[in-house]
Amino acid sequence: MMKNDYSKELSSLLALIKLDSRKHSGVISLFDKHFVKTGIFSKEFSKIVHKSFDFRQVSDYDDFFIISIDQAKTQIENCLKFISEVEDIINRLLNEEIDLPETVF
């Protein structure tokens, strides 16, 4: 996904259950634990987030990483799909159509 878009979307979700993390990897881990494993989001969206994070890591830290046009198109399509799904889930949560996941520590 585009640089930090997924992180902002995930942080919005986590804010609903009063969770956050300082690291992107922590945010992703909390998303998987509280929203994917509970069935609120399908595993497809976890894969999208993980793949996007991997691309972000490589593009930020590898000196000579060049993404192909097809890879960029796929990332953009997945980003838009993910953002749309997050917005839908947030609306459904706020309208109490689905339950917020419980935070158990």
PDB file of N, CA and C in Angstrom:
ATOM      1  N   MET A   1       0.828  -1.168   0.000  1.00  0.00           N
ATOM      2  CA  MET A   1       0.000   0.000   0.000  1.00  0.00           C
ATOM      3  C   MET A   1       0.874   1.232   0.000  1.00  0.00           C
ATOM      4  N   MET A   2       0.271   2.301  -0.317  1.00  0.00           N
ATOM      5  CA  MET A   2       1.026   3.526  -0.381  1.00  0.00           C
ATOM      6  C   MET A   2       1.522   3.899   1.004  1.00  0.00           C
ATOM      7  N   LYS A   3       2.812   4.058   1.089  1.00  0.00           N
ATOM      8  CA  LYS A   3       3.585   4.402   2.282  1.00  0.00           C
ATOM      9  C   LYS A   3       2.867   4.136   3.605  1.00  0.00           C
ATOM     10  N   ASN A   4       2.081   5.026   4.103  1.00  0.00           N
ATOM     11  CA  ASN A   4       1.492   4.845   5.423  1.00  0.00           C
ATOM     12  C   ASN A   4      -0.029   4.755   5.406  1.00  0.00           C
ATOM     13  N   ASP A   5      -0.636   4.634   4.230  1.00  0.00           N
ATOM     14  CA  ASP A   5      -2.096   4.585   4.175  1.00  0.00           C
ATOM     15  C   ASP A   5      -2.662   3.429   4.985  1.00  0.00           C
ATOM     16  N   TYR A   6      -2.075   2.241   4.832  1.00  0.00           N
ATOM     17  CA  TYR A   6      -2.595   1.111   5.576  1.00  0.00           C
ATOM     18  C   TYR A   6      -2.455   1.340   7.074  1.00  0.00           C
ATOM     19  N   SER A   7      -1.379   1.963   7.476  1.00  0.00           N
ATOM     20  CA  SER A   7      -1.148   2.212   8.900  1.00  0.00           C
ATOM     21  C   SER A   7      -2.208   3.137   9.477  1.00  0.00           C
ATOM     22  N   LYS A   8      -2.576   4.148   8.732  1.00  0.00           N
ATOM     23  CA  LYS A   8      -3.619   5.072   9.192  1.00  0.00           C
ATOM     24  C   LYS A   8      -4.967   4.359   9.301  1.00  0.00           C
ATOM     25  N   GLU A   9      -5.274   3.545   8.318  1.00  0.00           N
ATOM     26  CA  GLU A   9      -6.530   2.804   8.338  1.00  0.00           C
ATOM     27  C   GLU A   9      -6.556   1.823   9.509  1.00  0.00           C
ATOM     28  N   LEU A  10      -5.443   1.118   9.703  1.00  0.00           N
ATOM     29  CA  LEU A  10      -5.380   0.156  10.798  1.00  0.00           C
ATOM     30  C   LEU A  10      -5.449   0.857  12.151  1.00  0.00           C
ATOM     31  N   SER A  11      -4.782   1.983  12.265  1.00  0.00           N
ATOM     32  CA  SER A  11      -4.820   2.743  13.522  1.00  0.00           C
ATOM     33  C   SER A  11      -6.237   3.204  13.840  1.00  0.00           C
ATOM     34  N   SER A  12      -7.003   3.556  12.815  1.00  0.00           N
ATOM     35  CA  SER A  12      -8.409   3.940  13.026  1.00  0.00           C
ATOM     36  C   SER A  12      -9.210   2.774  13.594  1.00  0.00           C
ATOM     37  N   LEU A  13      -8.973   1.595  13.052  1.00  0.00           N
ATOM     38  CA  LEU A  13      -9.656   0.406  13.562  1.00  0.00           C
ATOM     39  C   LEU A  13      -9.263   0.134  15.007  1.00  0.00           C
ATOM     40  N   LEU A  14      -7.961   0.166  15.254  1.00  0.00           N
ATOM     41  CA  LEU A  14      -7.476  -0.141  16.598  1.00  0.00           C
ATOM     42  C   LEU A  14      -7.959   0.882  17.622  1.00  0.00           C
ATOM     43  N   ALA A  15      -8.137   2.120  17.189  1.00  0.00           N
ATOM     44  CA  ALA A  15      -8.628   3.158  18.098  1.00  0.00           C
ATOM     45  C   ALA A  15     -10.029   2.817  18.609  1.00  0.00           C
ATOM     46  N   LEU A  16     -10.801   2.117  17.804  1.00  0.00           N
ATOM     47  CA  LEU A  16     -12.148   1.717  18.224  1.00  0.00           C
ATOM     48  C   LEU A  16     -12.114   0.786  19.433  1.00  0.00           C
ATOM     49  N   ILE A  17     -11.014   0.046  19.573  1.00  0.00           N
ATOM     50  CA  ILE A  17     -10.898  -0.871  20.715  1.00  0.00           C
ATOM     51  C   ILE A  17      -9.772  -0.435  21.661  1.00  0.00           C
ATOM     52  N   LYS A  18      -9.402   0.837  21.518  1.00  0.00           N
ATOM     53  CA  LYS A  18      -8.429   1.481  22.414  1.00  0.00           C
ATOM     54  C   LYS A  18      -7.070   0.799  22.428  1.00  0.00           C
ATOM     55  N   LEU A  19      -6.584   0.431  21.236  1.00  0.00           N
ATOM     56  CA  LEU A  19      -5.261  -0.161  21.091  1.00  0.00           C
ATOM     57  C   LEU A  19      -4.456   0.633  20.078  1.00  0.00           C
ATOM     58  N   ASP A  20      -3.150   0.576  20.223  1.00  0.00           N
ATOM     59  CA  ASP A  20      -2.246   1.219  19.268  1.00  0.00           C
ATOM     60  C   ASP A  20      -0.855   0.624  19.464  1.00  0.00           C
ATOM     61  N   SER A  21       0.002   0.881  18.524  1.00  0.00           N
ATOM     62  CA  SER A  21       1.394   0.453  18.611  1.00  0.00           C
ATOM     63  C   SER A  21       2.258   1.510  17.948  1.00  0.00           C
ATOM     64  N   ARG A  22       3.457   1.657  18.439  1.00  0.00           N
ATOM     65  CA  ARG A  22       4.376   2.634  17.859  1.00  0.00           C
ATOM     66  C   ARG A  22       5.013   2.136  16.569  1.00  0.00           C
ATOM     67  N   LYS A  23       5.017   0.839  16.381  1.00  0.00           N
ATOM     68  CA  LYS A  23       5.654   0.250  15.206  1.00  0.00           C
ATOM     69  C   LYS A  23       4.598  -0.249  14.225  1.00  0.00           C
ATOM     70  N   HIS A  24       4.937  -0.169  12.936  1.00  0.00           N
ATOM     71  CA  HIS A  24       4.037  -0.687  11.904  1.00  0.00           C
ATOM     72  C   HIS A  24       3.789  -2.182  12.122  1.00  0.00           C
ATOM     73  N   SER A  25       4.850  -2.907  12.451  1.00  0.00           N
ATOM     74  CA  SER A  25       4.704  -4.352  12.656  1.00  0.00           C
ATOM     75  C   SER A  25       3.762  -4.642  13.826  1.00  0.00           C
ATOM     76  N   GLY A  26       3.792  -3.804  14.845  1.00  0.00           N
ATOM     77  CA  GLY A  26       2.885  -3.968  15.980  1.00  0.00           C
ATOM     78  C   GLY A  26       1.444  -3.708  15.606  1.00  0.00           C
ATOM     79  N   VAL A  27       1.224  -2.696  14.800  1.00  0.00           N
ATOM     80  CA  VAL A  27      -0.124  -2.374  14.327  1.00  0.00           C
ATOM     81  C   VAL A  27      -0.677  -3.541  13.514  1.00  0.00           C
ATOM     82  N   ILE A  28       0.161  -4.098  12.655  1.00  0.00           N
ATOM     83  CA  ILE A  28      -0.265  -5.232  11.826  1.00  0.00           C
ATOM     84  C   ILE A  28      -0.584  -6.444  12.702  1.00  0.00           C
ATOM     85  N   SER A  29       0.248  -6.688  13.688  1.00  0.00           N
ATOM     86  CA  SER A  29       0.035  -7.809  14.603  1.00  0.00           C
ATOM     87  C   SER A  29      -1.292  -7.659  15.360  1.00  0.00           C
ATOM     88  N   LEU A  30      -1.574  -6.457  15.838  1.00  0.00           N
ATOM     89  CA  LEU A  30      -2.835  -6.205  16.539  1.00  0.00           C
ATOM     90  C   LEU A  30      -4.031  -6.357  15.593  1.00  0.00           C
ATOM     91  N   PHE A  31      -3.884  -5.896  14.369  1.00  0.00           N
ATOM     92  CA  PHE A  31      -4.947  -6.064  13.366  1.00  0.00           C
ATOM     93  C   PHE A  31      -5.239  -7.550  13.159  1.00  0.00           C
ATOM     94  N   ASP A  32      -4.181  -8.333  12.959  1.00  0.00           N
ATOM     95  CA  ASP A  32      -4.371  -9.770  12.750  1.00  0.00           C
ATOM     96  C   ASP A  32      -5.054 -10.415  13.955  1.00  0.00           C
ATOM     97  N   LYS A  33      -4.585 -10.075  15.147  1.00  0.00           N
ATOM     98  CA  LYS A  33      -5.110 -10.695  16.367  1.00  0.00           C
ATOM     99  C   LYS A  33      -6.569 -10.329  16.630  1.00  0.00           C
ATOM    100  N   HIS A  34      -6.903  -9.056  16.490  1.00  0.00           N
ATOM    101  CA  HIS A  34      -8.230  -8.592  16.914  1.00  0.00           C
ATOM    102  C   HIS A  34      -9.260  -8.486  15.790  1.00  0.00           C
ATOM    103  N   PHE A  35      -8.795  -8.434  14.554  1.00  0.00           N
ATOM    104  CA  PHE A  35      -9.763  -8.253  13.468  1.00  0.00           C
ATOM    105  C   PHE A  35      -9.769  -9.387  12.439  1.00  0.00           C
ATOM    106  N   VAL A  36      -8.638 -10.053  12.257  1.00  0.00           N
ATOM    107  CA  VAL A  36      -8.612 -11.161  11.291  1.00  0.00           C
ATOM    108  C   VAL A  36      -8.952 -12.474  11.988  1.00  0.00           C
ATOM    109  N   LYS A  37      -8.287 -12.762  13.079  1.00  0.00           N
ATOM    110  CA  LYS A  37      -8.535 -14.027  13.786  1.00  0.00           C
ATOM    111  C   LYS A  37      -9.946 -14.107  14.345  1.00  0.00           C
ATOM    112  N   THR A  38     -10.574 -12.970  14.554  1.00  0.00           N
ATOM    113  CA  THR A  38     -11.956 -12.958  15.038  1.00  0.00           C
ATOM    114  C   THR A  38     -12.971 -13.050  13.900  1.00  0.00           C
ATOM    115  N   GLY A  39     -12.491 -12.996  12.653  1.00  0.00           N
ATOM    116  CA  GLY A  39     -13.370 -13.143  11.497  1.00  0.00           C
ATOM    117  C   GLY A  39     -14.003 -11.853  10.998  1.00  0.00           C
ATOM    118  N   ILE A  40     -13.650 -10.733  11.598  1.00  0.00           N
ATOM    119  CA  ILE A  40     -14.208  -9.460  11.134  1.00  0.00           C
ATOM    120  C   ILE A  40     -13.672  -9.133   9.740  1.00  0.00           C
ATOM    121  N   PHE A  41     -12.395  -9.389   9.526  1.00  0.00           N
ATOM    122  CA  PHE A  41     -11.775  -9.260   8.204  1.00  0.00           C
ATOM    123  C   PHE A  41     -11.329 -10.637   7.742  1.00  0.00           C
ATOM    124  N   SER A  42     -11.409 -10.879   6.452  1.00  0.00           N
ATOM    125  CA  SER A  42     -10.930 -12.154   5.923  1.00  0.00           C
ATOM    126  C   SER A  42      -9.397 -12.152   5.881  1.00  0.00           C
ATOM    127  N   LYS A  43      -8.832 -13.338   5.778  1.00  0.00           N
ATOM    128  CA  LYS A  43      -7.373 -13.484   5.706  1.00  0.00           C
ATOM    129  C   LYS A  43      -6.799 -12.783   4.481  1.00  0.00           C
ATOM    130  N   GLU A  44      -7.635 -12.609   3.470  1.00  0.00           N
ATOM    131  CA  GLU A  44      -7.196 -11.894   2.262  1.00  0.00           C
ATOM    132  C   GLU A  44      -6.647 -10.510   2.617  1.00  0.00           C
ATOM    133  N   PHE A  45      -7.294  -9.834   3.547  1.00  0.00           N
ATOM    134  CA  PHE A  45      -6.865  -8.480   3.898  1.00  0.00           C
ATOM    135  C   PHE A  45      -5.602  -8.489   4.750  1.00  0.00           C
ATOM    136  N   SER A  46      -5.424  -9.532   5.526  1.00  0.00           N
ATOM    137  CA  SER A  46      -4.166  -9.686   6.252  1.00  0.00           C
ATOM    138  C   SER A  46      -3.014  -9.858   5.255  1.00  0.00           C
ATOM    139  N   LYS A  47      -3.244 -10.666   4.234  1.00  0.00           N
ATOM    140  CA  LYS A  47      -2.212 -10.878   3.211  1.00  0.00           C
ATOM    141  C   LYS A  47      -1.885  -9.580   2.488  1.00  0.00           C
ATOM    142  N   ILE A  48      -2.909  -8.789   2.186  1.00  0.00           N
ATOM    143  CA  ILE A  48      -2.691  -7.501   1.513  1.00  0.00           C
ATOM    144  C   ILE A  48      -1.814  -6.602   2.388  1.00  0.00           C
ATOM    145  N   VAL A  49      -2.137  -6.530   3.670  1.00  0.00           N
ATOM    146  CA  VAL A  49      -1.377  -5.671   4.580  1.00  0.00           C
ATOM    147  C   VAL A  49       0.062  -6.158   4.712  1.00  0.00           C
ATOM    148  N   HIS A  50       0.241  -7.454   4.878  1.00  0.00           N
ATOM    149  CA  HIS A  50       1.597  -7.994   5.025  1.00  0.00           C
ATOM    150  C   HIS A  50       2.433  -7.779   3.765  1.00  0.00           C
ATOM    151  N   LYS A  51       1.834  -8.008   2.619  1.00  0.00           N
ATOM    152  CA  LYS A  51       2.558  -7.809   1.349  1.00  0.00           C
ATOM    153  C   LYS A  51       2.936  -6.340   1.182  1.00  0.00           C
ATOM    154  N   SER A  52       2.018  -5.469   1.501  1.00  0.00           N
ATOM    155  CA  SER A  52       2.286  -4.038   1.402  1.00  0.00           C
ATOM    156  C   SER A  52       3.414  -3.621   2.337  1.00  0.00           C
ATOM    157  N   PHE A  53       3.372  -4.141   3.562  1.00  0.00           N
ATOM    158  CA  PHE A  53       4.421  -3.841   4.532  1.00  0.00           C
ATOM    159  C   PHE A  53       5.773  -4.334   4.028  1.00  0.00           C
ATOM    160  N   ASP A  54       5.785  -5.525   3.434  1.00  0.00           N
ATOM    161  CA  ASP A  54       7.037  -6.059   2.877  1.00  0.00           C
ATOM    162  C   ASP A  54       7.585  -5.143   1.791  1.00  0.00           C
ATOM    163  N   PHE A  55       6.714  -4.676   0.901  1.00  0.00           N
ATOM    164  CA  PHE A  55       7.154  -3.743  -0.143  1.00  0.00           C
ATOM    165  C   PHE A  55       7.678  -2.447   0.476  1.00  0.00           C
ATOM    166  N   ARG A  56       7.004  -1.974   1.490  1.00  0.00           N
ATOM    167  CA  ARG A  56       7.441  -0.748   2.165  1.00  0.00           C
ATOM    168  C   ARG A  56       8.833  -0.933   2.753  1.00  0.00           C
ATOM    169  N   GLN A  57       9.042  -2.045   3.424  1.00  0.00           N
ATOM    170  CA  GLN A  57      10.341  -2.318   4.030  1.00  0.00           C
ATOM    171  C   GLN A  57      11.439  -2.353   2.975  1.00  0.00           C
ATOM    172  N   VAL A  58      11.192  -3.076   1.910  1.00  0.00           N
ATOM    173  CA  VAL A  58      12.194  -3.203   0.852  1.00  0.00           C
ATOM    174  C   VAL A  58      12.459  -1.855   0.196  1.00  0.00           C
ATOM    175  N   SER A  59      11.416  -1.109  -0.100  1.00  0.00           N
ATOM    176  CA  SER A  59      11.606   0.172  -0.786  1.00  0.00           C
ATOM    177  C   SER A  59      12.287   1.205   0.106  1.00  0.00           C
ATOM    178  N   ASP A  60      12.059   1.115   1.414  1.00  0.00           N
ATOM    179  CA  ASP A  60      12.689   2.062   2.328  1.00  0.00           C
ATOM    180  C   ASP A  60      14.145   1.730   2.619  1.00  0.00           C
ATOM    181  N   TYR A  61      14.474   0.448   2.651  1.00  0.00           N
ATOM    182  CA  TYR A  61      15.782   0.068   3.162  1.00  0.00           C
ATOM    183  C   TYR A  61      16.728  -0.569   2.147  1.00  0.00           C
ATOM    184  N   ASP A  62      16.230  -0.996   0.991  1.00  0.00           N
ATOM    185  CA  ASP A  62      17.119  -1.517  -0.047  1.00  0.00           C
ATOM    186  C   ASP A  62      17.527  -0.380  -0.967  1.00  0.00           C
ATOM    187  N   ASP A  63      18.808  -0.272  -1.209  1.00  0.00           N
ATOM    188  CA  ASP A  63      19.322   0.843  -2.006  1.00  0.00           C
ATOM    189  C   ASP A  63      18.861   0.810  -3.461  1.00  0.00           C
ATOM    190  N   PHE A  64      18.657  -0.374  -4.009  1.00  0.00           N
ATOM    191  CA  PHE A  64      18.391  -0.459  -5.439  1.00  0.00           C
ATOM    192  C   PHE A  64      17.089  -1.185  -5.773  1.00  0.00           C
ATOM    193  N   PHE A  65      16.120  -1.057  -4.911  1.00  0.00           N
ATOM    194  CA  PHE A  65      14.844  -1.709  -5.162  1.00  0.00           C
ATOM    195  C   PHE A  65      14.039  -0.901  -6.177  1.00  0.00           C
ATOM    196  N   ILE A  66      13.576  -1.583  -7.197  1.00  0.00           N
ATOM    197  CA  ILE A  66      12.723  -0.945  -8.210  1.00  0.00           C
ATOM    198  C   ILE A  66      11.489  -1.821  -8.373  1.00  0.00           C
ATOM    199  N   ILE A  67      10.337  -1.244  -8.133  1.00  0.00           N
ATOM    200  CA  ILE A  67       9.081  -1.975  -8.276  1.00  0.00           C
ATOM    201  C   ILE A  67       8.645  -1.924  -9.735  1.00  0.00           C
ATOM    202  N   SER A  68       8.093  -3.024 -10.213  1.00  0.00           N
ATOM    203  CA  SER A  68       7.613  -3.054 -11.598  1.00  0.00           C
ATOM    204  C   SER A  68       6.279  -2.320 -11.693  1.00  0.00           C
ATOM    205  N   ILE A  69       5.908  -1.991 -12.893  1.00  0.00           N
ATOM    206  CA  ILE A  69       4.621  -1.322 -13.113  1.00  0.00           C
ATOM    207  C   ILE A  69       3.475  -2.229 -12.665  1.00  0.00           C
ATOM    208  N   ASP A  70       3.572  -3.516 -12.992  1.00  0.00           N
ATOM    209  CA  ASP A  70       2.522  -4.448 -12.583  1.00  0.00           C
ATOM    210  C   ASP A  70       2.426  -4.561 -11.063  1.00  0.00           C
ATOM    211  N   GLN A  71       3.573  -4.608 -10.391  1.00  0.00           N
ATOM    212  CA  GLN A  71       3.568  -4.666  -8.931  1.00  0.00           C
ATOM    213  C   GLN A  71       2.954  -3.394  -8.344  1.00  0.00           C
ATOM    214  N   ALA A  72       3.285  -2.261  -8.924  1.00  0.00           N
ATOM    215  CA  ALA A  72       2.742  -0.988  -8.435  1.00  0.00           C
ATOM    216  C   ALA A  72       1.224  -0.951  -8.634  1.00  0.00           C
ATOM    217  N   LYS A  73       0.762  -1.385  -9.792  1.00  0.00           N
ATOM    218  CA  LYS A  73      -0.678  -1.417 -10.050  1.00  0.00           C
ATOM    219  C   LYS A  73      -1.394  -2.329  -9.065  1.00  0.00           C
ATOM    220  N   THR A  74      -0.811  -3.483  -8.810  1.00  0.00           N
ATOM    221  CA  THR A  74      -1.403  -4.421  -7.863  1.00  0.00           C
ATOM    222  C   THR A  74      -1.458  -3.818  -6.469  1.00  0.00           C
ATOM    223  N   GLN A  75      -0.397  -3.154  -6.053  1.00  0.00           N
ATOM    224  CA  GLN A  75      -0.368  -2.527  -4.729  1.00  0.00           C
ATOM    225  C   GLN A  75      -1.431  -1.431  -4.617  1.00  0.00           C
ATOM    226  N   ILE A  76      -1.577  -0.637  -5.641  1.00  0.00           N
ATOM    227  CA  ILE A  76      -2.587   0.431  -5.629  1.00  0.00           C
ATOM    228  C   ILE A  76      -3.990  -0.157  -5.575  1.00  0.00           C
ATOM    229  N   GLU A  77      -4.243  -1.180  -6.399  1.00  0.00           N
ATOM    230  CA  GLU A  77      -5.560  -1.829  -6.394  1.00  0.00           C
ATOM    231  C   GLU A  77      -5.869  -2.423  -5.025  1.00  0.00           C
ATOM    232  N   ASN A  78      -4.871  -3.101  -4.448  1.00  0.00           N
ATOM    233  CA  ASN A  78      -5.071  -3.701  -3.128  1.00  0.00           C
ATOM    234  C   ASN A  78      -5.274  -2.646  -2.054  1.00  0.00           C
ATOM    235  N   CYS A  79      -4.548  -1.553  -2.156  1.00  0.00           N
ATOM    236  CA  CYS A  79      -4.686  -0.460  -1.193  1.00  0.00           C
ATOM    237  C   CYS A  79      -6.109   0.099  -1.233  1.00  0.00           C
ATOM    238  N   LEU A  80      -6.601   0.356  -2.406  1.00  0.00           N
ATOM    239  CA  LEU A  80      -7.954   0.899  -2.546  1.00  0.00           C
ATOM    240  C   LEU A  80      -9.007  -0.092  -2.053  1.00  0.00           C
ATOM    241  N   LYS A  81      -8.795  -1.361  -2.347  1.00  0.00           N
ATOM    242  CA  LYS A  81      -9.701  -2.412  -1.880  1.00  0.00           C
ATOM    243  C   LYS A  81      -9.692  -2.481  -0.355  1.00  0.00           C
ATOM    244  N   PHE A  82      -8.506  -2.412   0.227  1.00  0.00           N
ATOM    245  CA  PHE A  82      -8.374  -2.468   1.683  1.00  0.00           C
ATOM    246  C   PHE A  82      -9.031  -1.267   2.345  1.00  0.00           C
ATOM    247  N   ILE A  83      -8.764  -0.077   1.837  1.00  0.00           N
ATOM    248  CA  ILE A  83      -9.353   1.136   2.415  1.00  0.00           C
ATOM    249  C   ILE A  83     -10.878   1.075   2.346  1.00  0.00           C
ATOM    250  N   SER A  84     -11.401   0.615   1.233  1.00  0.00           N
ATOM    251  CA  SER A  84     -12.850   0.483   1.087  1.00  0.00           C
ATOM    252  C   SER A  84     -13.413  -0.494   2.120  1.00  0.00           C
ATOM    253  N   GLU A  85     -12.728  -1.609   2.314  1.00  0.00           N
ATOM    254  CA  GLU A  85     -13.189  -2.606   3.284  1.00  0.00           C
ATOM    255  C   GLU A  85     -13.117  -2.060   4.715  1.00  0.00           C
ATOM    256  N   VAL A  86     -12.038  -1.353   5.039  1.00  0.00           N
ATOM    257  CA  VAL A  86     -11.909  -0.765   6.376  1.00  0.00           C
ATOM    258  C   VAL A  86     -13.037   0.225   6.631  1.00  0.00           C
ATOM    259  N   GLU A  87     -13.314   1.070   5.664  1.00  0.00           N
ATOM    260  CA  GLU A  87     -14.398   2.044   5.823  1.00  0.00           C
ATOM    261  C   GLU A  87     -15.731   1.343   6.036  1.00  0.00           C
ATOM    262  N   ASP A  88     -15.965   0.273   5.284  1.00  0.00           N
ATOM    263  CA  ASP A  88     -17.202  -0.491   5.430  1.00  0.00           C
ATOM    264  C   ASP A  88     -17.290  -1.129   6.820  1.00  0.00           C
ATOM    265  N   ILE A  89     -16.209  -1.741   7.259  1.00  0.00           N
ATOM    266  CA  ILE A  89     -16.203  -2.394   8.570  1.00  0.00           C
ATOM    267  C   ILE A  89     -16.385  -1.365   9.683  1.00  0.00           C
ATOM    268  N   ILE A  90     -15.707  -0.229   9.595  1.00  0.00           N
ATOM    269  CA  ILE A  90     -15.862   0.812  10.622  1.00  0.00           C
ATOM    270  C   ILE A  90     -17.314   1.271  10.686  1.00  0.00           C
ATOM    271  N   ASN A  91     -17.927   1.499   9.537  1.00  0.00           N
ATOM    272  CA  ASN A  91     -19.345   1.900   9.525  1.00  0.00           C
ATOM    273  C   ASN A  91     -20.233   0.826  10.154  1.00  0.00           C
ATOM    274  N   ARG A  92     -19.976  -0.425   9.828  1.00  0.00           N
ATOM    275  CA  ARG A  92     -20.765  -1.517  10.395  1.00  0.00           C
ATOM    276  C   ARG A  92     -20.554  -1.648  11.899  1.00  0.00           C
ATOM    277  N   LEU A  93     -19.332  -1.422  12.343  1.00  0.00           N
ATOM    278  CA  LEU A  93     -19.050  -1.454  13.781  1.00  0.00           C
ATOM    279  C   LEU A  93     -19.752  -0.306  14.494  1.00  0.00           C
ATOM    280  N   LEU A  94     -19.650   0.887  13.926  1.00  0.00           N
ATOM    281  CA  LEU A  94     -20.266   2.061  14.549  1.00  0.00           C
ATOM    282  C   LEU A  94     -21.785   1.972  14.558  1.00  0.00           C
ATOM    283  N   ASN A  95     -22.351   1.316  13.548  1.00  0.00           N
ATOM    284  CA  ASN A  95     -23.803   1.132  13.477  1.00  0.00           C
ATOM    285  C   ASN A  95     -24.258  -0.124  14.222  1.00  0.00           C
ATOM    286  N   GLU A  96     -23.307  -0.755  14.903  1.00  0.00           N
ATOM    287  CA  GLU A  96     -23.566  -1.947  15.704  1.00  0.00           C
ATOM    288  C   GLU A  96     -24.155  -3.098  14.901  1.00  0.00           C
ATOM    289  N   GLU A  97     -23.801  -3.155  13.624  1.00  0.00           N
ATOM    290  CA  GLU A  97     -24.214  -4.277  12.782  1.00  0.00           C
ATOM    291  C   GLU A  97     -23.331  -5.494  13.053  1.00  0.00           C
ATOM    292  N   ILE A  98     -22.119  -5.237  13.504  1.00  0.00           N
ATOM    293  CA  ILE A  98     -21.212  -6.273  13.952  1.00  0.00           C
ATOM    294  C   ILE A  98     -20.598  -5.811  15.274  1.00  0.00           C
ATOM    295  N   ASP A  99     -20.168  -6.750  16.069  1.00  0.00           N
ATOM    296  CA  ASP A  99     -19.614  -6.435  17.387  1.00  0.00           C
ATOM    297  C   ASP A  99     -18.132  -6.088  17.294  1.00  0.00           C
ATOM    298  N   LEU A 100     -17.733  -5.162  18.163  1.00  0.00           N
ATOM    299  CA  LEU A 100     -16.307  -4.870  18.314  1.00  0.00           C
ATOM    300  C   LEU A 100     -15.620  -6.087  18.891  1.00  0.00           C
ATOM    301  N   PRO A 101     -14.400  -6.350  18.463  1.00  0.00           N
ATOM    302  CA  PRO A 101     -13.688  -7.470  19.072  1.00  0.00           C
ATOM    303  C   PRO A 101     -13.318  -7.125  20.511  1.00  0.00           C
ATOM    304  N   GLU A 102     -13.304  -8.136  21.344  1.00  0.00           N
ATOM    305  CA  GLU A 102     -12.905  -7.922  22.725  1.00  0.00           C
ATOM    306  C   GLU A 102     -11.385  -7.893  22.806  1.00  0.00           C
ATOM    307  N   THR A 103     -10.871  -7.034  23.654  1.00  0.00           N
ATOM    308  CA  THR A 103      -9.423  -6.975  23.860  1.00  0.00           C
ATOM    309  C   THR A 103      -9.100  -7.715  25.145  1.00  0.00           C
ATOM    310  N   VAL A 104      -8.421  -8.838  24.979  1.00  0.00           N
ATOM    311  CA  VAL A 104      -8.042  -9.660  26.110  1.00  0.00           C
ATOM    312  C   VAL A 104      -6.522  -9.657  26.197  1.00  0.00           C
ATOM    313  N   PHE A 105      -6.023  -9.347  27.379  1.00  0.00           N
ATOM    314  CA  PHE A 105      -4.563  -9.290  27.558  1.00  0.00           C
ATOM    315  C   PHE A 105      -4.088 -10.378  28.477  1.00  0.00           C
TER     316      PHE A 105
END
